């Protein structure tokens, strides 16, 4: 099914949809590699005219399919990195503009974490500060998507561009963690990030000094910031809240790094644990069911895109032993993690 052109506007998003934003750079990236973008975009079930405006909306699953086709047609395994390199703070629409006019870099990053859902309902950022180090992490939480490693490469690449816009063009992170197998040629990653790159990681994370969050943003306009904050709040209120979707977003950023019991999630949502259970029961779901669904998504991504050992994946997902993870994965998929990984790599 081909997705036609909606009228571009500051529209609200349903779960699993995104404004094109950064992905608007897919066409120019294909052209730079000598490939006509229109047939590739059509093959993903999308109308090429959508890519005329970054505010147009597409399903995230279609974006994953498009990235898969782009890698196949160009033979470029780091296609997503090239897309992210071309994008800028303006690629994030209202959220990018709010970041540009925030008071400090920390305010800008927190604006990104709090508000990205008005631009993108499938990628989730989170900020953690530990031992004077800031970790800005991206995760996806949609089971039906493909090419997660390309999408996360693009997200991390554009975010480094954004931080250089806010901090100065010479800014560089301490290191960048990438949830994909190490490519044969890592030169482009090193050239763009200007920092050590750690492949085969559990998350897509930019690591940098926490003191950078205190840097003031030159030229920020307080009046414009207030107008943008008001507009974004209107959009957040208008798009409402899908309760199970909100829990999935919280779990996807916390499951591999923090405690995320039902009580923890209830605290984050500022509701009682019993209220959380009642809400989930009303939509026919249980907390453990959603947690296992997210664990299965993370496990599939790490098995497919990385060479992270099974014991490390098991530990990241909260299992005390690899054997417990293997039993759980067999329940979810009907096969062992090793067999699933082997099958992925032989397709």
C-alpha atoms as a PDB file:
ATOM      1  CA  UNK A   1       0.000   0.000   0.000  1.00  0.00           C
ATOM      2  CA  UNK A   2       1.401   3.407  -0.958  1.00  0.00           C
ATOM      3  CA  UNK A   3       1.163   6.227   1.560  1.00  0.00           C
ATOM      4  CA  UNK A   4       0.025   9.431  -0.130  1.00  0.00           C
ATOM      5  CA  UNK A   5       0.895  13.025   0.637  1.00  0.00           C
ATOM      6  CA  UNK A   6      -0.875  14.639   3.617  1.00  0.00           C
ATOM      7  CA  UNK A   7      -0.985  18.391   3.926  1.00  0.00           C
ATOM      8  CA  UNK A   8       2.161  19.414   5.800  1.00  0.00           C
ATOM      9  CA  UNK A   9       1.422  20.952   9.175  1.00  0.00           C
ATOM     10  CA  UNK A  10       2.315  20.751  12.840  1.00  0.00           C
ATOM     11  CA  UNK A  11       0.121  17.666  13.166  1.00  0.00           C
ATOM     12  CA  UNK A  12      -0.216  15.334  16.131  1.00  0.00           C
ATOM     13  CA  UNK A  13       1.282  11.879  15.871  1.00  0.00           C
ATOM     14  CA  UNK A  14      -0.148   8.446  16.598  1.00  0.00           C
ATOM     15  CA  UNK A  15       2.136   5.803  18.154  1.00  0.00           C
ATOM     16  CA  UNK A  16       4.438   4.258  15.552  1.00  0.00           C
ATOM     17  CA  UNK A  17       4.523   7.344  13.289  1.00  0.00           C
ATOM     18  CA  UNK A  18       7.143  10.017  12.721  1.00  0.00           C
ATOM     19  CA  UNK A  19       7.537  13.337  11.001  1.00  0.00           C
ATOM     20  CA  UNK A  20      10.088  12.761   8.253  1.00  0.00           C
ATOM     21  CA  UNK A  21      12.503  15.201   9.865  1.00  0.00           C
ATOM     22  CA  UNK A  22      15.996  13.705   9.663  1.00  0.00           C
ATOM     23  CA  UNK A  23      14.781  11.102   7.154  1.00  0.00           C
ATOM     24  CA  UNK A  24      14.135  13.857   4.625  1.00  0.00           C
ATOM     25  CA  UNK A  25      17.880  13.524   3.941  1.00  0.00           C
ATOM     26  CA  UNK A  26      17.435   9.985   2.565  1.00  0.00           C
ATOM     27  CA  UNK A  27      16.776  11.289  -0.965  1.00  0.00           C
ATOM     28  CA  UNK A  28      19.878  13.520  -1.160  1.00  0.00           C
ATOM     29  CA  UNK A  29      21.971  10.721   0.356  1.00  0.00           C
ATOM     30  CA  UNK A  30      20.812   8.272  -2.310  1.00  0.00           C
ATOM     31  CA  UNK A  31      21.550  10.844  -5.028  1.00  0.00           C
ATOM     32  CA  UNK A  32      25.046  11.431  -3.620  1.00  0.00           C
ATOM     33  CA  UNK A  33      25.657   7.686  -3.931  1.00  0.00           C
ATOM     34  CA  UNK A  34      24.456   7.681  -7.556  1.00  0.00           C
ATOM     35  CA  UNK A  35      21.017   6.120  -6.958  1.00  0.00           C
ATOM     36  CA  UNK A  36      17.706   7.627  -8.144  1.00  0.00           C
ATOM     37  CA  UNK A  37      15.687   7.998  -4.901  1.00  0.00           C
ATOM     38  CA  UNK A  38      12.154   7.866  -6.335  1.00  0.00           C
ATOM     39  CA  UNK A  39      12.046   4.149  -7.291  1.00  0.00           C
ATOM     40  CA  UNK A  40      13.572   3.178  -3.926  1.00  0.00           C
ATOM     41  CA  UNK A  41      11.029   5.295  -2.006  1.00  0.00           C
ATOM     42  CA  UNK A  42       8.151   3.836  -4.055  1.00  0.00           C
ATOM     43  CA  UNK A  43       9.432   0.298  -3.406  1.00  0.00           C
ATOM     44  CA  UNK A  44       9.011   1.006   0.333  1.00  0.00           C
ATOM     45  CA  UNK A  45       5.342   1.882  -0.300  1.00  0.00           C
ATOM     46  CA  UNK A  46       5.847   5.628   0.078  1.00  0.00           C
ATOM     47  CA  UNK A  47       5.101   8.532  -2.257  1.00  0.00           C
ATOM     48  CA  UNK A  48       8.363  10.357  -3.154  1.00  0.00           C
ATOM     49  CA  UNK A  49       6.495  13.693  -2.865  1.00  0.00           C
ATOM     50  CA  UNK A  50       6.307  13.122   0.897  1.00  0.00           C
ATOM     51  CA  UNK A  51      10.017  13.871   1.048  1.00  0.00           C
ATOM     52  CA  UNK A  52       9.508  17.444  -0.152  1.00  0.00           C
ATOM     53  CA  UNK A  53       8.623  18.513   3.401  1.00  0.00           C
ATOM     54  CA  UNK A  54      10.144  17.278   6.647  1.00  0.00           C
ATOM     55  CA  UNK A  55       6.825  17.833   8.460  1.00  0.00           C
ATOM     56  CA  UNK A  56       5.072  15.102   6.466  1.00  0.00           C
ATOM     57  CA  UNK A  57       4.189  11.996   8.444  1.00  0.00           C
ATOM     58  CA  UNK A  58       5.034   8.357   7.665  1.00  0.00           C
ATOM     59  CA  UNK A  59       4.737   5.042   9.537  1.00  0.00           C
ATOM     60  CA  UNK A  60       7.943   4.056  11.298  1.00  0.00           C
ATOM     61  CA  UNK A  61       7.674   0.534   9.842  1.00  0.00           C
ATOM     62  CA  UNK A  62       7.806   2.030   6.319  1.00  0.00           C
ATOM     63  CA  UNK A  63      10.923   3.968   7.294  1.00  0.00           C
ATOM     64  CA  UNK A  64      12.605   0.760   8.445  1.00  0.00           C
ATOM     65  CA  UNK A  65      11.729  -0.897   5.139  1.00  0.00           C
ATOM     66  CA  UNK A  66      13.071   2.113   3.231  1.00  0.00           C
ATOM     67  CA  UNK A  67      16.406   1.977   5.048  1.00  0.00           C
ATOM     68  CA  UNK A  68      16.675  -1.739   4.281  1.00  0.00           C
ATOM     69  CA  UNK A  69      16.142  -1.009   0.590  1.00  0.00           C
ATOM     70  CA  UNK A  70      18.609   1.895   0.644  1.00  0.00           C
ATOM     71  CA  UNK A  71      21.370  -0.292   2.077  1.00  0.00           C
ATOM     72  CA  UNK A  72      20.617  -3.011  -0.502  1.00  0.00           C
ATOM     73  CA  UNK A  73      20.514  -0.608  -3.487  1.00  0.00           C
ATOM     74  CA  UNK A  74      23.632   1.358  -2.528  1.00  0.00           C
ATOM     75  CA  UNK A  75      25.686  -1.436  -0.986  1.00  0.00           C
ATOM     76  CA  UNK A  76      26.514   1.068   1.780  1.00  0.00           C
ATOM     77  CA  UNK A  77      26.356  -0.571   5.244  1.00  0.00           C
ATOM     78  CA  UNK A  78      26.550   2.809   7.039  1.00  0.00           C
ATOM     79  CA  UNK A  79      23.772   4.517   5.053  1.00  0.00           C
ATOM     80  CA  UNK A  80      22.020   5.759   8.218  1.00  0.00           C
ATOM     81  CA  UNK A  81      25.196   7.474   9.382  1.00  0.00           C
ATOM     82  CA  UNK A  82      25.376   9.364   6.071  1.00  0.00           C
ATOM     83  CA  UNK A  83      21.745  10.475   6.467  1.00  0.00           C
ATOM     84  CA  UNK A  84      22.321  11.723  10.023  1.00  0.00           C
ATOM     85  CA  UNK A  85      25.486  13.585   8.999  1.00  0.00           C
ATOM     86  CA  UNK A  86      23.463  15.660   6.504  1.00  0.00           C
ATOM     87  CA  UNK A  87      20.763  16.595   9.022  1.00  0.00           C
ATOM     88  CA  UNK A  88      20.772  19.507  11.454  1.00  0.00           C
ATOM     89  CA  UNK A  89      19.019  20.903  14.503  1.00  0.00           C
ATOM     90  CA  UNK A  90      16.285  22.230  12.173  1.00  0.00           C
ATOM     91  CA  UNK A  91      15.546  18.639  11.085  1.00  0.00           C
ATOM     92  CA  UNK A  92      13.814  18.152  14.457  1.00  0.00           C
ATOM     93  CA  UNK A  93      11.161  20.765  13.672  1.00  0.00           C
ATOM     94  CA  UNK A  94       9.645  22.478  16.700  1.00  0.00           C
ATOM     95  CA  UNK A  95      11.772  20.431  19.103  1.00  0.00           C
ATOM     96  CA  UNK A  96      14.964  21.441  17.306  1.00  0.00           C
ATOM     97  CA  UNK A  97      13.944  25.097  17.400  1.00  0.00           C
ATOM     98  CA  UNK A  98      13.180  24.837  21.118  1.00  0.00           C
ATOM     99  CA  UNK A  99      16.608  23.307  21.700  1.00  0.00           C
ATOM    100  CA  UNK A 100      18.246  26.131  19.761  1.00  0.00           C
ATOM    101  CA  UNK A 101      16.575  28.745  21.998  1.00  0.00           C
ATOM    102  CA  UNK A 102      16.991  26.943  25.332  1.00  0.00           C
ATOM    103  CA  UNK A 103      18.987  28.697  28.020  1.00  0.00           C
ATOM    104  CA  UNK A 104      21.677  26.012  28.446  1.00  0.00           C
ATOM    105  CA  UNK A 105      22.772  22.836  26.684  1.00  0.00           C
ATOM    106  CA  UNK A 106      21.257  20.855  29.576  1.00  0.00           C
ATOM    107  CA  UNK A 107      17.912  22.587  29.082  1.00  0.00           C
ATOM    108  CA  UNK A 108      18.114  21.776  25.368  1.00  0.00           C
ATOM    109  CA  UNK A 109      18.867  18.087  25.946  1.00  0.00           C
ATOM    110  CA  UNK A 110      16.071  17.808  28.514  1.00  0.00           C
ATOM    111  CA  UNK A 111      13.715  19.499  26.013  1.00  0.00           C
ATOM    112  CA  UNK A 112      14.670  16.807  23.504  1.00  0.00           C
ATOM    113  CA  UNK A 113      14.039  13.992  25.994  1.00  0.00           C
ATOM    114  CA  UNK A 114      10.701  15.453  27.149  1.00  0.00           C
ATOM    115  CA  UNK A 115       9.276  16.477  23.793  1.00  0.00           C
ATOM    116  CA  UNK A 116      10.634  14.312  20.959  1.00  0.00           C
ATOM    117  CA  UNK A 117       7.330  12.412  20.909  1.00  0.00           C
ATOM    118  CA  UNK A 118       5.720  15.343  19.052  1.00  0.00           C
ATOM    119  CA  UNK A 119       8.114  14.622  16.154  1.00  0.00           C
ATOM    120  CA  UNK A 120       8.753  10.901  16.539  1.00  0.00           C
ATOM    121  CA  UNK A 121       6.612   8.273  18.312  1.00  0.00           C
ATOM    122  CA  UNK A 122       8.985   5.347  17.834  1.00  0.00           C
ATOM    123  CA  UNK A 123      12.463   6.491  18.936  1.00  0.00           C
ATOM    124  CA  UNK A 124      12.944   7.328  22.610  1.00  0.00           C
ATOM    125  CA  UNK A 125      15.813   9.438  24.020  1.00  0.00           C
ATOM    126  CA  UNK A 126      16.912   9.399  27.659  1.00  0.00           C
ATOM    127  CA  UNK A 127      19.534  11.319  29.650  1.00  0.00           C
ATOM    128  CA  UNK A 128      21.497   9.784  32.517  1.00  0.00           C
ATOM    129  CA  UNK A 129      24.161  11.576  34.569  1.00  0.00           C
ATOM    130  CA  UNK A 130      26.668   9.482  36.479  1.00  0.00           C
ATOM    131  CA  UNK A 131      30.076  10.367  37.945  1.00  0.00           C
ATOM    132  CA  UNK A 132      30.281  13.711  36.125  1.00  0.00           C
ATOM    133  CA  UNK A 133      29.468  11.955  32.841  1.00  0.00           C
ATOM    134  CA  UNK A 134      26.333  12.480  30.737  1.00  0.00           C
ATOM    135  CA  UNK A 135      24.901   9.638  28.665  1.00  0.00           C
ATOM    136  CA  UNK A 136      22.357  10.567  25.989  1.00  0.00           C
ATOM    137  CA  UNK A 137      20.798   7.316  24.791  1.00  0.00           C
ATOM    138  CA  UNK A 138      18.367   6.441  21.980  1.00  0.00           C
ATOM    139  CA  UNK A 139      16.218   3.342  21.751  1.00  0.00           C
ATOM    140  CA  UNK A 140      13.459   2.092  19.458  1.00  0.00           C
ATOM    141  CA  UNK A 141      10.490   0.208  20.809  1.00  0.00           C
ATOM    142  CA  UNK A 142       8.469  -0.963  17.829  1.00  0.00           C
ATOM    143  CA  UNK A 143       8.551  -4.682  17.080  1.00  0.00           C
ATOM    144  CA  UNK A 144       7.587  -4.351  13.420  1.00  0.00           C
ATOM    145  CA  UNK A 145      10.459  -2.171  12.261  1.00  0.00           C
ATOM    146  CA  UNK A 146      13.578  -3.170  10.355  1.00  0.00           C
ATOM    147  CA  UNK A 147      17.022  -1.601   9.980  1.00  0.00           C
ATOM    148  CA  UNK A 148      17.102  -0.433  13.593  1.00  0.00           C
ATOM    149  CA  UNK A 149      20.883  -0.064  13.381  1.00  0.00           C
ATOM    150  CA  UNK A 150      20.530   2.401  10.465  1.00  0.00           C
ATOM    151  CA  UNK A 151      17.861   4.440  12.241  1.00  0.00           C
ATOM    152  CA  UNK A 152      19.912   4.654  15.438  1.00  0.00           C
ATOM    153  CA  UNK A 153      23.074   5.546  13.479  1.00  0.00           C
ATOM    154  CA  UNK A 154      21.154   8.446  11.922  1.00  0.00           C
ATOM    155  CA  UNK A 155      19.787   9.562  15.312  1.00  0.00           C
ATOM    156  CA  UNK A 156      23.211   9.584  16.970  1.00  0.00           C
ATOM    157  CA  UNK A 157      24.895  11.286  13.995  1.00  0.00           C
ATOM    158  CA  UNK A 158      22.396  14.164  13.858  1.00  0.00           C
ATOM    159  CA  UNK A 159      22.501  14.551  17.645  1.00  0.00           C
ATOM    160  CA  UNK A 160      26.260  15.103  17.515  1.00  0.00           C
ATOM    161  CA  UNK A 161      25.613  17.748  14.821  1.00  0.00           C
ATOM    162  CA  UNK A 162      23.060  19.364  17.142  1.00  0.00           C
ATOM    163  CA  UNK A 163      25.428  19.369  20.110  1.00  0.00           C
ATOM    164  CA  UNK A 164      28.077  21.022  17.924  1.00  0.00           C
ATOM    165  CA  UNK A 165      25.535  23.683  16.957  1.00  0.00           C
ATOM    166  CA  UNK A 166      24.856  24.351  20.644  1.00  0.00           C
ATOM    167  CA  UNK A 167      28.375  23.930  22.080  1.00  0.00           C
ATOM    168  CA  UNK A 168      30.577  25.025  19.175  1.00  0.00           C
ATOM    169  CA  UNK A 169      31.833  23.269  16.073  1.00  0.00           C
ATOM    170  CA  UNK A 170      34.887  21.844  17.870  1.00  0.00           C
ATOM    171  CA  UNK A 171      32.778  19.952  20.410  1.00  0.00           C
ATOM    172  CA  UNK A 172      33.344  16.229  20.590  1.00  0.00           C
ATOM    173  CA  UNK A 173      31.998  13.455  22.815  1.00  0.00           C
ATOM    174  CA  UNK A 174      34.174  11.274  25.049  1.00  0.00           C
ATOM    175  CA  UNK A 175      32.946   8.198  23.188  1.00  0.00           C
ATOM    176  CA  UNK A 176      30.002   6.895  21.184  1.00  0.00           C
ATOM    177  CA  UNK A 177      28.366   3.497  21.806  1.00  0.00           C
ATOM    178  CA  UNK A 178      26.739   1.802  18.807  1.00  0.00           C
ATOM    179  CA  UNK A 179      24.393  -1.236  18.960  1.00  0.00           C
ATOM    180  CA  UNK A 180      25.659  -2.889  15.786  1.00  0.00           C
ATOM    181  CA  UNK A 181      28.470  -5.175  14.718  1.00  0.00           C
ATOM    182  CA  UNK A 182      31.740  -3.397  13.923  1.00  0.00           C
ATOM    183  CA  UNK A 183      31.942  -2.639  10.180  1.00  0.00           C
ATOM    184  CA  UNK A 184      35.051  -3.501   8.173  1.00  0.00           C
ATOM    185  CA  UNK A 185      35.653   0.201   7.553  1.00  0.00           C
ATOM    186  CA  UNK A 186      35.163   2.405  10.620  1.00  0.00           C
ATOM    187  CA  UNK A 187      36.809   5.535   9.192  1.00  0.00           C
ATOM    188  CA  UNK A 188      33.572   7.432   8.550  1.00  0.00           C
ATOM    189  CA  UNK A 189      32.372   6.851  12.125  1.00  0.00           C
ATOM    190  CA  UNK A 190      35.674   8.147  13.519  1.00  0.00           C
ATOM    191  CA  UNK A 191      35.653  11.096  11.120  1.00  0.00           C
ATOM    192  CA  UNK A 192      32.149  12.216  12.054  1.00  0.00           C
ATOM    193  CA  UNK A 193      32.215  11.632  15.804  1.00  0.00           C
ATOM    194  CA  UNK A 194      35.892  12.547  16.385  1.00  0.00           C
ATOM    195  CA  UNK A 195      35.838  10.180  19.359  1.00  0.00           C
ATOM    196  CA  UNK A 196      36.365   6.487  20.165  1.00  0.00           C
ATOM    197  CA  UNK A 197      33.525   4.319  18.807  1.00  0.00           C
ATOM    198  CA  UNK A 198      32.457   1.235  20.768  1.00  0.00           C
ATOM    199  CA  UNK A 199      30.565  -1.236  18.576  1.00  0.00           C
ATOM    200  CA  UNK A 200      28.541  -4.264  19.767  1.00  0.00           C
ATOM    201  CA  UNK A 201      26.959  -2.237  22.569  1.00  0.00           C
ATOM    202  CA  UNK A 202      23.561  -2.670  24.183  1.00  0.00           C
ATOM    203  CA  UNK A 203      22.413   0.862  23.334  1.00  0.00           C
ATOM    204  CA  UNK A 204      23.049   3.854  21.074  1.00  0.00           C
ATOM    205  CA  UNK A 205      24.661   6.340  23.442  1.00  0.00           C
ATOM    206  CA  UNK A 206      26.632   9.579  23.233  1.00  0.00           C
ATOM    207  CA  UNK A 207      28.946   9.893  26.248  1.00  0.00           C
ATOM    208  CA  UNK A 208      30.217  13.374  27.154  1.00  0.00           C
ATOM    209  CA  UNK A 209      31.257  15.460  30.194  1.00  0.00           C
ATOM    210  CA  UNK A 210      28.273  16.447  32.337  1.00  0.00           C
ATOM    211  CA  UNK A 211      29.796  19.932  32.702  1.00  0.00           C
ATOM    212  CA  UNK A 212      28.913  20.558  29.032  1.00  0.00           C
ATOM    213  CA  UNK A 213      25.243  20.596  30.087  1.00  0.00           C
ATOM    214  CA  UNK A 214      25.903  23.872  31.933  1.00  0.00           C
ATOM    215  CA  UNK A 215      27.127  25.700  28.819  1.00  0.00           C
ATOM    216  CA  UNK A 216      24.934  28.692  27.853  1.00  0.00           C
ATOM    217  CA  UNK A 217      23.490  28.743  24.336  1.00  0.00           C
ATOM    218  CA  UNK A 218      24.561  31.855  22.431  1.00  0.00           C
ATOM    219  CA  UNK A 219      21.756  33.805  20.769  1.00  0.00           C
ATOM    220  CA  UNK A 220      18.893  32.028  22.547  1.00  0.00           C
ATOM    221  CA  UNK A 221      15.660  34.070  22.443  1.00  0.00           C
ATOM    222  CA  UNK A 222      13.626  33.720  25.689  1.00  0.00           C
ATOM    223  CA  UNK A 223      10.417  35.029  24.092  1.00  0.00           C
ATOM    224  CA  UNK A 224      10.654  32.600  21.186  1.00  0.00           C
ATOM    225  CA  UNK A 225      11.452  29.795  23.639  1.00  0.00           C
ATOM    226  CA  UNK A 226       8.266  30.508  25.594  1.00  0.00           C
ATOM    227  CA  UNK A 227       6.180  30.492  22.391  1.00  0.00           C
ATOM    228  CA  UNK A 228       7.715  27.190  21.267  1.00  0.00           C
ATOM    229  CA  UNK A 229       7.150  25.590  24.682  1.00  0.00           C
ATOM    230  CA  UNK A 230       3.489  26.616  24.576  1.00  0.00           C
ATOM    231  CA  UNK A 231       3.020  25.242  21.043  1.00  0.00           C
ATOM    232  CA  UNK A 232       4.683  21.930  21.918  1.00  0.00           C
ATOM    233  CA  UNK A 233       2.540  21.565  25.052  1.00  0.00           C
ATOM    234  CA  UNK A 234      -0.578  22.116  22.947  1.00  0.00           C
ATOM    235  CA  UNK A 235       0.544  19.344  20.588  1.00  0.00           C
ATOM    236  CA  UNK A 236       1.324  16.963  23.455  1.00  0.00           C
ATOM    237  CA  UNK A 237      -2.109  17.582  24.963  1.00  0.00           C
ATOM    238  CA  UNK A 238      -3.805  17.191  21.564  1.00  0.00           C
ATOM    239  CA  UNK A 239      -2.157  13.873  20.764  1.00  0.00           C
ATOM    240  CA  UNK A 240      -3.271  12.474  24.113  1.00  0.00           C
ATOM    241  CA  UNK A 241      -1.714   9.481  25.778  1.00  0.00           C
ATOM    242  CA  UNK A 242      -1.906   5.845  24.794  1.00  0.00           C
ATOM    243  CA  UNK A 243      -1.325   4.297  28.222  1.00  0.00           C
ATOM    244  CA  UNK A 244       0.376   1.082  27.100  1.00  0.00           C
ATOM    245  CA  UNK A 245       2.460   3.064  24.591  1.00  0.00           C
ATOM    246  CA  UNK A 246       3.674   5.391  27.359  1.00  0.00           C
ATOM    247  CA  UNK A 247       4.713   2.407  29.484  1.00  0.00           C
ATOM    248  CA  UNK A 248       6.553   0.878  26.520  1.00  0.00           C
ATOM    249  CA  UNK A 249       8.454   4.149  26.011  1.00  0.00           C
ATOM    250  CA  UNK A 250       9.499   4.244  29.668  1.00  0.00           C
ATOM    251  CA  UNK A 251      10.481   0.571  29.709  1.00  0.00           C
ATOM    252  CA  UNK A 252      12.502   0.773  26.508  1.00  0.00           C
ATOM    253  CA  UNK A 253      14.837   3.387  27.966  1.00  0.00           C
ATOM    254  CA  UNK A 254      15.111   1.775  31.399  1.00  0.00           C
ATOM    255  CA  UNK A 255      14.963  -1.987  30.975  1.00  0.00           C
ATOM    256  CA  UNK A 256      18.678  -2.429  30.246  1.00  0.00           C
ATOM    257  CA  UNK A 257      20.042   0.177  32.650  1.00  0.00           C
ATOM    258  CA  UNK A 258      17.790   0.804  35.645  1.00  0.00           C
ATOM    259  CA  UNK A 259      15.325  -0.848  37.952  1.00  0.00           C
ATOM    260  CA  UNK A 260      11.947  -0.920  36.245  1.00  0.00           C
ATOM    261  CA  UNK A 261       9.513  -2.784  38.479  1.00  0.00           C
ATOM    262  CA  UNK A 262       5.827  -1.985  38.225  1.00  0.00           C
ATOM    263  CA  UNK A 263       6.262   0.204  41.323  1.00  0.00           C
ATOM    264  CA  UNK A 264       9.150   2.103  39.655  1.00  0.00           C
ATOM    265  CA  UNK A 265       7.083   2.768  36.521  1.00  0.00           C
ATOM    266  CA  UNK A 266       4.058   3.797  38.592  1.00  0.00           C
ATOM    267  CA  UNK A 267       6.269   6.324  40.419  1.00  0.00           C
ATOM    268  CA  UNK A 268       7.473   7.754  37.089  1.00  0.00           C
ATOM    269  CA  UNK A 269       3.841   8.114  35.959  1.00  0.00           C
ATOM    270  CA  UNK A 270       2.953   9.645  39.365  1.00  0.00           C
ATOM    271  CA  UNK A 271       0.240   7.068  40.009  1.00  0.00           C
ATOM    272  CA  UNK A 272      -0.220   4.286  42.562  1.00  0.00           C
ATOM    273  CA  UNK A 273       0.942   0.760  41.735  1.00  0.00           C
ATOM    274  CA  UNK A 274      -2.670  -0.522  41.946  1.00  0.00           C
ATOM    275  CA  UNK A 275      -3.819   2.266  39.588  1.00  0.00           C
ATOM    276  CA  UNK A 276      -1.228   1.112  37.051  1.00  0.00           C
ATOM    277  CA  UNK A 277      -2.532  -2.466  37.287  1.00  0.00           C
ATOM    278  CA  UNK A 278      -6.133  -1.287  36.939  1.00  0.00           C
ATOM    279  CA  UNK A 279      -5.334   0.778  33.822  1.00  0.00           C
ATOM    280  CA  UNK A 280      -3.535  -2.154  32.215  1.00  0.00           C
ATOM    281  CA  UNK A 281      -6.303  -4.580  33.100  1.00  0.00           C
ATOM    282  CA  UNK A 282      -8.830  -2.260  31.420  1.00  0.00           C
ATOM    283  CA  UNK A 283      -6.950  -2.646  28.107  1.00  0.00           C
ATOM    284  CA  UNK A 284      -6.482  -6.375  28.550  1.00  0.00           C
ATOM    285  CA  UNK A 285      -2.780  -6.332  29.395  1.00  0.00           C
ATOM    286  CA  UNK A 286      -0.543  -7.090  32.355  1.00  0.00           C
ATOM    287  CA  UNK A 287       2.695  -5.408  33.397  1.00  0.00           C
ATOM    288  CA  UNK A 288       4.719  -8.598  33.011  1.00  0.00           C
ATOM    289  CA  UNK A 289       3.297  -9.118  29.522  1.00  0.00           C
ATOM    290  CA  UNK A 290       4.440  -5.658  28.363  1.00  0.00           C
ATOM    291  CA  UNK A 291       7.824  -6.080  30.050  1.00  0.00           C
ATOM    292  CA  UNK A 292       8.413  -9.394  28.300  1.00  0.00           C
ATOM    293  CA  UNK A 293       7.320  -7.875  24.993  1.00  0.00           C
ATOM    294  CA  UNK A 294       9.985  -5.163  25.343  1.00  0.00           C
ATOM    295  CA  UNK A 295      12.592  -7.708  26.500  1.00  0.00           C
ATOM    296  CA  UNK A 296      11.867  -9.768  23.383  1.00  0.00           C
ATOM    297  CA  UNK A 297      12.261  -6.689  21.148  1.00  0.00           C
ATOM    298  CA  UNK A 298      15.593  -5.752  22.743  1.00  0.00           C
ATOM    299  CA  UNK A 299      16.830  -9.347  22.564  1.00  0.00           C
ATOM    300  CA  UNK A 300      15.951  -9.659  18.866  1.00  0.00           C
ATOM    301  CA  UNK A 301      17.693  -6.384  18.049  1.00  0.00           C
ATOM    302  CA  UNK A 302      20.886  -7.311  19.892  1.00  0.00           C
ATOM    303  CA  UNK A 303      20.958 -10.838  18.462  1.00  0.00           C
ATOM    304  CA  UNK A 304      20.442  -9.583  14.925  1.00  0.00           C
ATOM    305  CA  UNK A 305      22.530  -6.411  14.814  1.00  0.00           C
ATOM    306  CA  UNK A 306      25.397  -7.133  17.223  1.00  0.00           C
ATOM    307  CA  UNK A 307      27.784  -9.840  18.345  1.00  0.00           C
ATOM    308  CA  UNK A 308      27.072  -9.200  22.035  1.00  0.00           C
ATOM    309  CA  UNK A 309      27.454 -12.582  23.865  1.00  0.00           C
ATOM    310  CA  UNK A 310      24.291 -14.287  25.130  1.00  0.00           C
ATOM    311  CA  UNK A 311      25.399 -14.004  28.771  1.00  0.00           C
ATOM    312  CA  UNK A 312      25.776 -10.223  28.378  1.00  0.00           C
ATOM    313  CA  UNK A 313      22.346  -9.883  26.714  1.00  0.00           C
ATOM    314  CA  UNK A 314      20.825 -11.983  29.502  1.00  0.00           C
ATOM    315  CA  UNK A 315      22.393  -9.748  32.170  1.00  0.00           C
ATOM    316  CA  UNK A 316      21.285  -6.576  30.385  1.00  0.00           C
ATOM    317  CA  UNK A 317      17.702  -7.834  30.353  1.00  0.00           C
ATOM    318  CA  UNK A 318      17.749  -8.645  34.053  1.00  0.00           C
ATOM    319  CA  UNK A 319      18.311 -12.417  33.962  1.00  0.00           C
ATOM    320  CA  UNK A 320      20.708 -13.848  36.543  1.00  0.00           C
ATOM    321  CA  UNK A 321      21.788 -16.661  34.213  1.00  0.00           C
ATOM    322  CA  UNK A 322      22.009 -17.133  30.444  1.00  0.00           C
ATOM    323  CA  UNK A 323      19.984 -20.349  30.763  1.00  0.00           C
ATOM    324  CA  UNK A 324      16.994 -18.412  32.159  1.00  0.00           C
ATOM    325  CA  UNK A 325      17.186 -16.011  29.215  1.00  0.00           C
ATOM    326  CA  UNK A 326      17.399 -18.950  26.778  1.00  0.00           C
ATOM    327  CA  UNK A 327      14.264 -20.530  28.280  1.00  0.00           C
ATOM    328  CA  UNK A 328      12.388 -17.206  28.079  1.00  0.00           C
ATOM    329  CA  UNK A 329      13.461 -16.578  24.484  1.00  0.00           C
ATOM    330  CA  UNK A 330      12.349 -20.086  23.491  1.00  0.00           C
ATOM    331  CA  UNK A 331       8.918 -19.362  24.998  1.00  0.00           C
ATOM    332  CA  UNK A 332       8.668 -16.104  23.030  1.00  0.00           C
ATOM    333  CA  UNK A 333       9.990 -17.318  19.681  1.00  0.00           C
ATOM    334  CA  UNK A 334       9.893 -21.122  19.634  1.00  0.00           C
ATOM    335  CA  UNK A 335      13.671 -21.360  19.231  1.00  0.00           C
ATOM    336  CA  UNK A 336      16.853 -20.679  21.173  1.00  0.00           C
ATOM    337  CA  UNK A 337      18.622 -17.305  20.939  1.00  0.00           C
ATOM    338  CA  UNK A 338      21.609 -18.986  19.262  1.00  0.00           C
ATOM    339  CA  UNK A 339      19.396 -20.579  16.585  1.00  0.00           C
ATOM    340  CA  UNK A 340      17.548 -17.297  16.047  1.00  0.00           C
ATOM    341  CA  UNK A 341      20.820 -15.368  15.651  1.00  0.00           C
ATOM    342  CA  UNK A 342      22.200 -17.970  13.219  1.00  0.00           C
ATOM    343  CA  UNK A 343      19.010 -17.813  11.143  1.00  0.00           C
ATOM    344  CA  UNK A 344      19.183 -13.988  10.968  1.00  0.00           C
ATOM    345  CA  UNK A 345      22.771 -14.053   9.788  1.00  0.00           C
ATOM    346  CA  UNK A 346      22.074 -16.625   7.063  1.00  0.00           C
ATOM    347  CA  UNK A 347      19.066 -14.854   5.545  1.00  0.00           C
END
